[in-house]
Amino acid sequence: MLLLRFVRTATRQTQRGRRRNRSGTFEIVPPSDEFIRRAERYRPELLAHCYRMLGSLADAEDAVQETYVRAWRSFGSFEARSSERTWLYRIATNTCLTVLTHHSRRVLPAGLGAPSGDPSAPPGPVDLGVSWLQPIPDALVTPDAGDPATIVATRDSVRLALIASLQLLPSRQRAVLILRDVLAWPAAEVGELLGMSVAAVKSALQRARARLGEVSPAADNVPRLTEPEHRELLDRYIAAFQDADAAALERLLREDATLEAPPLRTWYAGIKFCLPYMATHVLGSPGHWRMLPTRANGEPAVAAYYRDGSGSGGYRPYGIVVLTATAEGISRITSFGDAGLITAFGFPAVLA
């Protein structure tokens, strides 16, 4: 179990969590079964919370682990003046705020400049100096068995458009907005956590909502796809790529579709730019791509592999591609070219 392994590691790094035995030497006290049982059930929602704050799967996982270490160290003094869930959220929020003092905000290419108007030009070099936003697997943040409305709400709260918009807010405004509008905490409780008056919390919330209204894309009035419709669209997208069929891909895209592919800064807006770019620089020949279906950020996604050029017949990892879609088609393709995401989503590092 991740919590048990990590907390045991932490005990070797601190005098806390040790007790003196009869011989007068210190021995490590493992975390109690009670702490593990009571804390581990909150992992998915704490991971979602840290991801909203940080915009990075890797950073969010580290923040959750640090949250559990801090919680375990103070578990003996937990006085139940609030619920365990609230107590853990307090620790997680403070952990994220600490992380944000040392990290720049996570972005997508659209947050760095205007779209390209030349789909025939090759993309520029990758930019590893930018802190790129990362996707998150639905499987890590969605309850295994729960109220369908809760599952839908969780997926909505981690959609890429929202996460990218949240990163534009100052860290404390971001925390206020998430605690008030996502978790529905009372203003007084938020103020106590962040050391703010109720009036200051309300003012920060108002400013955060106004900023999100400026930068967030307008909500579609087109009906959302059902789960079977999502899967059908995903199957058609996979078939179009694996067959290198630009015409089939064109039938899936909306006229206003956008294409982003971090760590490339170049991005495209409108099917008349996206489709020629993909046909010229991405699709290749039939069999160049292999894709496996998954879900990320509450949306259909694929784990993408490209053919190994060594002649072995195998496929190397490319990354995770997230599709934003409505009944009118795919409105946004966000293609995360990070091979490490493949294993983070639970897929094999290579395909035969």
Protein backbone atom coordinates (compact mmCIF):
# COMPACT_ATOMS: atom_id res chain seq x y z
CA MET A 1 0.00 0.00 0.00
CA LEU A 2 1.36 3.41 -1.03
CA LEU A 3 0.51 5.10 2.24
CA LEU A 4 2.10 2.41 4.38
CA ARG A 5 5.29 2.25 2.31
CA PHE A 6 5.75 6.00 2.17
CA VAL A 7 5.07 6.65 5.83
CA ARG A 8 7.46 3.90 6.86
CA THR A 9 10.11 5.56 4.71
CA ALA A 10 9.42 8.87 6.39
CA THR A 11 10.00 7.40 9.83
CA ARG A 12 13.59 6.76 8.90
CA GLN A 13 14.08 10.45 8.19
CA THR A 14 12.86 11.91 11.46
CA GLN A 15 12.97 11.33 15.21
CA ARG A 16 9.22 11.63 15.25
CA GLY A 17 7.41 8.37 15.00
CA ARG A 18 9.99 6.61 17.20
CA ARG A 19 9.78 5.31 20.72
CA ARG A 20 12.43 4.22 23.21
CA ASN A 21 12.39 0.50 23.95
CA ARG A 22 13.48 -1.23 27.17
CA SER A 23 17.14 -1.23 26.19
CA GLY A 24 17.05 2.56 25.83
CA THR A 25 17.42 2.63 22.05
CA PHE A 26 14.92 4.02 19.56
CA GLU A 27 12.79 1.82 17.36
CA ILE A 28 10.53 2.82 14.48
CA VAL A 29 6.83 2.84 15.24
CA PRO A 30 4.95 1.81 12.10
CA PRO A 31 1.77 3.71 11.27
CA SER A 32 -1.21 2.19 12.99
CA ASP A 33 -3.69 0.12 11.04
CA GLU A 34 -6.34 2.53 12.30
CA PHE A 35 -4.61 5.54 10.72
CA ILE A 36 -4.17 3.72 7.41
CA ARG A 37 -7.78 2.54 7.37
CA ARG A 38 -9.18 5.96 8.21
CA ALA A 39 -6.92 8.04 5.94
CA GLU A 40 -6.46 5.94 2.81
CA ARG A 41 -10.11 6.11 1.79
CA TYR A 42 -9.71 9.84 1.12
CA ARG A 43 -6.80 9.42 -1.31
CA PRO A 44 -8.76 9.83 -4.59
CA GLU A 45 -10.45 13.07 -3.57
CA LEU A 46 -7.29 14.48 -1.98
CA LEU A 47 -5.41 13.72 -5.19
CA ALA A 48 -8.09 15.55 -7.18
CA HIS A 49 -7.85 18.51 -4.78
CA CYS A 50 -4.06 18.73 -5.04
CA TYR A 51 -4.27 18.37 -8.82
CA ARG A 52 -6.69 21.30 -9.05
CA MET A 53 -4.26 23.36 -7.00
CA LEU A 54 -1.06 22.31 -8.80
CA GLY A 55 -2.04 21.29 -12.34
CA SER A 56 0.44 18.41 -12.35
CA LEU A 57 -0.15 14.71 -11.74
CA ALA A 58 3.37 14.19 -10.43
CA ASP A 59 3.25 17.21 -8.10
CA ALA A 60 -0.23 16.25 -6.87
CA GLU A 61 0.87 12.71 -6.01
CA ASP A 62 3.87 14.07 -4.11
CA ALA A 63 1.62 16.54 -2.26
CA VAL A 64 -0.78 13.78 -1.21
CA GLN A 65 2.09 11.68 0.09
CA GLU A 66 3.44 14.65 2.04
CA THR A 67 -0.08 15.27 3.38
CA TYR A 68 -0.24 11.73 4.75
CA VAL A 69 3.19 12.00 6.34
CA ARG A 70 2.22 15.23 8.08
CA ALA A 71 -1.14 13.76 9.10
CA TRP A 72 0.45 10.63 10.52
CA ARG A 73 2.94 12.64 12.54
CA SER A 74 0.12 14.61 14.16
CA PHE A 75 -2.48 11.82 14.25
CA GLY A 76 -2.01 11.27 17.97
CA SER A 77 -2.93 14.88 18.70
CA PHE A 78 -5.96 14.95 16.38
CA GLU A 79 -8.76 16.14 18.64
CA ALA A 80 -11.69 15.60 16.26
CA ARG A 81 -12.75 19.25 16.47
CA SER A 82 -13.38 18.83 12.75
CA SER A 83 -13.97 15.73 10.65
CA GLU A 84 -11.01 13.63 9.51
CA ARG A 85 -11.81 14.62 5.95
CA THR A 86 -11.70 18.35 6.76
CA TRP A 87 -8.49 17.86 8.76
CA LEU A 88 -6.80 16.13 5.83
CA TYR A 89 -7.99 18.79 3.39
CA ARG A 90 -6.49 21.46 5.63
CA ILE A 91 -3.13 19.71 5.58
CA ALA A 92 -3.32 19.08 1.83
CA THR A 93 -4.19 22.71 1.06
CA ASN A 94 -1.30 24.04 3.13
CA THR A 95 1.03 21.52 1.50
CA CYS A 96 -0.02 22.73 -1.96
CA LEU A 97 0.40 26.38 -1.00
CA THR A 98 3.93 25.59 0.15
CA VAL A 99 4.66 23.85 -3.16
CA LEU A 100 3.33 26.82 -5.11
CA THR A 101 5.80 29.19 -3.44
CA HIS A 102 8.59 27.33 -5.24
CA HIS A 103 6.93 26.43 -8.56
CA SER A 104 5.80 28.46 -11.56
CA ARG A 105 2.26 28.00 -12.80
CA ARG A 106 1.39 25.15 -15.16
CA VAL A 107 0.29 26.17 -18.65
CA LEU A 108 -0.90 24.89 -22.00
CA PRO A 109 0.36 26.32 -25.33
CA ALA A 110 -2.75 28.47 -25.77
CA GLY A 111 -1.77 30.32 -22.61
CA LEU A 112 1.54 31.44 -24.09
CA GLY A 113 0.59 33.15 -27.34
CA ALA A 114 -1.54 33.25 -30.47
CA PRO A 115 -2.22 30.16 -32.63
CA SER A 116 -0.12 29.44 -35.69
CA GLY A 117 -1.50 30.45 -39.07
CA ASP A 118 0.79 28.16 -41.09
CA PRO A 119 -0.11 24.46 -40.80
CA SER A 120 2.43 23.57 -43.50
CA ALA A 121 5.38 24.72 -41.41
CA PRO A 122 7.00 22.09 -39.19
CA PRO A 123 6.40 22.60 -35.49
CA GLY A 124 9.06 24.39 -33.49
CA PRO A 125 11.37 22.61 -31.06
CA VAL A 126 10.02 21.23 -27.80
CA ASP A 127 10.25 23.67 -24.89
CA LEU A 128 11.24 21.81 -21.74
CA GLY A 129 11.79 25.08 -19.90
CA VAL A 130 8.04 25.58 -19.53
CA SER A 131 6.10 24.03 -16.64
CA TRP A 132 3.45 22.29 -18.72
CA LEU A 133 0.09 21.28 -17.32
CA GLN A 134 -0.36 17.49 -17.11
CA PRO A 135 -3.45 15.30 -17.50
CA ILE A 136 -4.73 13.04 -14.73
CA PRO A 137 -6.31 9.58 -15.09
CA ASP A 138 -9.98 9.37 -14.16
CA ALA A 139 -9.22 6.07 -12.46
CA LEU A 140 -7.12 7.82 -9.78
CA VAL A 141 -9.68 10.44 -8.78
CA THR A 142 -13.05 8.82 -9.44
CA PRO A 143 -14.55 6.68 -6.66
CA ASP A 144 -14.72 2.98 -7.54
CA ALA A 145 -18.31 2.82 -6.43
CA GLY A 146 -20.26 5.90 -5.59
CA ASP A 147 -23.17 8.16 -6.33
CA PRO A 148 -23.29 8.85 -10.11
CA ALA A 149 -23.82 12.54 -9.41
CA THR A 150 -20.62 12.60 -7.33
CA ILE A 151 -18.69 10.92 -10.13
CA VAL A 152 -19.97 13.47 -12.65
CA ALA A 153 -19.13 16.35 -10.31
CA THR A 154 -15.61 15.00 -9.78
CA ARG A 155 -15.02 14.68 -13.51
CA ASP A 156 -16.34 18.20 -14.13
CA SER A 157 -14.02 19.61 -11.47
CA VAL A 158 -10.86 18.28 -13.15
CA ARG A 159 -11.61 19.10 -16.80
CA LEU A 160 -8.61 20.50 -18.63
CA ALA A 161 -10.23 23.85 -19.44
CA LEU A 162 -10.99 24.45 -15.75
CA ILE A 163 -7.56 23.30 -14.53
CA ALA A 164 -5.80 25.53 -17.08
CA SER A 165 -7.94 28.49 -15.98
CA LEU A 166 -7.29 27.86 -12.28
CA GLN A 167 -3.54 28.10 -12.89
CA LEU A 168 -4.00 31.76 -13.87
CA LEU A 169 -5.17 32.66 -10.37
CA PRO A 170 -2.82 33.63 -7.53
CA SER A 171 -2.35 30.66 -5.23
CA ARG A 172 -4.50 31.91 -2.35
CA GLN A 173 -7.31 32.99 -4.68
CA ARG A 174 -7.09 29.56 -6.27
CA ALA A 175 -7.40 27.91 -2.86
CA VAL A 176 -10.39 30.09 -1.91
CA LEU A 177 -12.20 29.32 -5.15
CA ILE A 178 -11.63 25.57 -4.89
CA LEU A 179 -12.57 25.38 -1.21
CA ARG A 180 -15.71 27.47 -1.66
CA ASP A 181 -17.01 26.51 -5.12
CA VAL A 182 -15.78 22.92 -5.48
CA LEU A 183 -15.79 21.67 -1.89
CA ALA A 184 -18.53 24.03 -0.62
CA TRP A 185 -16.67 25.00 2.54
CA PRO A 186 -18.20 27.84 4.58
CA ALA A 187 -16.39 31.17 4.21
CA ALA A 188 -15.51 31.19 7.92
CA GLU A 189 -13.82 27.80 7.65
CA VAL A 190 -11.85 28.88 4.59
CA GLY A 191 -10.79 32.03 6.41
CA GLU A 192 -9.62 30.05 9.43
CA LEU A 193 -7.51 27.78 7.22
CA LEU A 194 -5.93 30.59 5.20
CA GLY A 195 -5.64 33.16 7.96
CA MET A 196 -8.14 35.52 6.33
CA SER A 197 -11.23 37.34 7.52
CA VAL A 198 -14.61 36.31 6.15
CA ALA A 199 -14.76 39.60 4.26
CA ALA A 200 -11.35 38.93 2.70
CA VAL A 201 -12.45 35.42 1.68
CA LYS A 202 -15.57 36.80 -0.01
CA SER A 203 -13.53 39.46 -1.80
CA ALA A 204 -10.95 36.90 -3.00
CA LEU A 205 -13.74 34.62 -4.21
CA GLN A 206 -15.37 37.44 -6.13
CA ARG A 207 -12.08 38.35 -7.83
CA ALA A 208 -11.34 34.70 -8.64
CA ARG A 209 -14.76 34.15 -10.20
CA ALA A 210 -14.39 37.32 -12.25
CA ARG A 211 -10.98 36.26 -13.52
CA LEU A 212 -12.24 32.79 -14.47
CA GLY A 213 -15.13 34.41 -16.30
CA GLU A 214 -12.61 36.36 -18.39
CA VAL A 215 -10.34 33.45 -19.33
CA SER A 216 -12.58 30.39 -19.37
CA PRO A 217 -14.11 29.33 -22.69
CA ALA A 218 -17.79 30.02 -23.08
CA ALA A 219 -19.93 27.08 -22.05
CA ASP A 220 -21.35 25.02 -24.91
CA ASN A 221 -25.11 24.74 -25.15
CA VAL A 222 -24.67 21.55 -27.16
CA PRO A 223 -25.77 18.43 -25.22
CA ARG A 224 -22.99 16.34 -23.74
CA LEU A 225 -22.21 12.90 -25.05
CA THR A 226 -23.36 9.83 -23.20
CA GLU A 227 -20.82 7.18 -22.20
CA PRO A 228 -21.63 4.96 -25.21
CA GLU A 229 -21.34 8.01 -27.49
CA HIS A 230 -17.98 8.86 -25.94
CA ARG A 231 -16.72 5.36 -26.60
CA GLU A 232 -17.99 5.39 -30.19
CA LEU A 233 -16.26 8.71 -30.86
CA LEU A 234 -13.06 7.41 -29.28
CA ASP A 235 -13.16 4.26 -31.42
CA ARG A 236 -13.58 6.36 -34.56
CA TYR A 237 -10.72 8.67 -33.54
CA ILE A 238 -8.42 5.69 -32.91
CA ALA A 239 -9.36 4.12 -36.24
CA ALA A 240 -8.72 7.39 -38.10
CA PHE A 241 -5.24 7.70 -36.64
CA GLN A 242 -4.24 4.07 -36.97
CA ASP A 243 -5.43 4.08 -40.59
CA ALA A 244 -3.87 7.51 -41.27
CA ASP A 245 -7.26 8.57 -42.61
CA ALA A 246 -7.44 12.38 -42.72
CA ALA A 247 -10.94 12.34 -44.20
CA ALA A 248 -12.25 10.24 -41.31
CA LEU A 249 -10.56 12.57 -38.84
CA GLU A 250 -12.13 15.59 -40.54
CA ARG A 251 -15.60 14.12 -39.98
CA LEU A 252 -14.91 14.02 -36.25
CA LEU A 253 -13.72 17.60 -35.79
CA ARG A 254 -15.81 20.68 -35.19
CA GLU A 255 -15.14 23.74 -37.33
CA ASP A 256 -13.77 25.56 -34.27
CA ALA A 257 -11.55 22.68 -33.11
CA THR A 258 -8.22 23.52 -31.48
CA LEU A 259 -5.04 21.44 -31.30
CA GLU A 260 -2.36 21.75 -28.61
CA ALA A 261 0.61 19.43 -28.16
CA PRO A 262 2.84 20.32 -25.21
CA PRO A 263 5.84 20.40 -24.94
CA LEU A 264 5.47 22.15 -28.33
CA ARG A 265 4.54 25.81 -27.97
CA THR A 266 2.88 25.90 -31.41
CA TRP A 267 -0.87 25.36 -31.45
CA TYR A 268 -3.69 25.65 -33.99
CA ALA A 269 -7.25 26.98 -33.91
CA GLY A 270 -9.90 26.00 -36.45
CA ILE A 271 -10.27 22.86 -38.51
CA LYS A 272 -8.74 24.58 -41.56
CA PHE A 273 -5.46 24.78 -39.64
CA CYS A 274 -5.64 21.69 -37.39
CA LEU A 275 -6.45 19.17 -40.11
CA PRO A 276 -3.72 20.14 -42.62
CA TYR A 277 -1.13 20.18 -39.84
CA MET A 278 -2.09 16.70 -38.65
CA ALA A 279 -2.30 15.32 -42.19
CA THR A 280 1.15 16.68 -43.05
CA HIS A 281 3.11 16.27 -39.82
CA VAL A 282 1.31 13.80 -37.56
CA LEU A 283 -0.72 11.02 -39.20
CA GLY A 284 2.08 9.37 -41.14
CA SER A 285 1.21 6.14 -42.94
CA PRO A 286 -1.25 3.40 -41.88
CA GLY A 287 0.13 1.51 -38.93
CA HIS A 288 2.37 4.35 -37.73
CA TRP A 289 0.22 4.81 -34.61
CA ARG A 290 -1.22 2.42 -32.02
CA MET A 291 -3.71 3.81 -29.52
CA LEU A 292 -5.41 2.40 -26.45
CA PRO A 293 -8.60 3.93 -24.98
CA THR A 294 -8.66 5.51 -21.55
CA ARG A 295 -10.17 8.48 -19.69
CA ALA A 296 -8.43 11.59 -18.42
CA ASN A 297 -9.75 14.76 -16.79
CA GLY A 298 -13.31 13.51 -17.09
CA GLU A 299 -12.97 13.20 -20.87
CA PRO A 300 -12.22 10.46 -23.44
CA ALA A 301 -8.50 9.96 -24.05
CA VAL A 302 -5.99 7.62 -25.63
CA ALA A 303 -2.60 6.29 -24.71
CA ALA A 304 -0.62 6.80 -27.94
CA TYR A 305 2.35 4.84 -29.25
CA TYR A 306 4.31 5.33 -32.48
CA ARG A 307 6.08 2.72 -34.59
CA ASP A 308 9.67 1.98 -33.63
CA GLY A 309 11.88 2.96 -36.54
CA SER A 310 14.42 0.23 -35.82
CA GLY A 311 12.48 -2.35 -37.80
CA SER A 312 11.60 -4.42 -34.75
CA GLY A 313 7.89 -3.96 -35.36
CA GLY A 314 7.34 -2.61 -31.86
CA TYR A 315 5.82 0.69 -30.74
CA ARG A 316 7.36 3.33 -28.49
CA PRO A 317 5.35 5.51 -26.08
CA TYR A 318 4.31 8.99 -27.18
CA GLY A 319 1.99 10.16 -24.42
CA ILE A 320 -1.67 10.82 -23.58
CA VAL A 321 -4.15 12.57 -25.89
CA VAL A 322 -7.25 14.08 -24.29
CA LEU A 323 -10.34 14.84 -26.39
CA THR A 324 -12.93 17.44 -25.50
CA ALA A 325 -16.11 16.59 -27.39
CA THR A 326 -19.80 17.43 -27.67
CA ALA A 327 -22.60 16.08 -29.82
CA GLU A 328 -21.24 18.27 -32.63
CA GLY A 329 -17.82 16.64 -32.58
CA ILE A 330 -14.34 17.11 -31.12
CA SER A 331 -13.75 20.70 -30.10
CA ARG A 332 -10.29 20.30 -28.61
CA ILE A 333 -7.38 17.88 -28.92
CA THR A 334 -4.75 18.19 -26.22
CA SER A 335 -1.87 15.92 -27.06
CA PHE A 336 0.59 15.52 -24.19
CA GLY A 337 3.86 14.33 -25.70
CA ASP A 338 5.32 12.94 -22.49
CA ALA A 339 6.27 9.26 -22.65
CA GLY A 340 6.31 9.03 -18.84
CA LEU A 341 2.56 9.60 -18.75
CA ILE A 342 2.00 6.22 -20.41
CA THR A 343 3.09 4.23 -17.35
CA ALA A 344 1.53 6.81 -14.99
CA PHE A 345 -1.80 5.92 -16.63
CA GLY A 346 -1.15 2.22 -16.08
CA PHE A 347 -0.17 1.23 -19.63
CA PRO A 348 2.93 -0.73 -20.70
CA ALA A 349 6.05 1.26 -21.56
CA VAL A 350 6.23 -0.32 -25.02
CA LEU A 351 3.92 -2.34 -27.28
CA ALA A 352 5.05 -5.34 -29.28
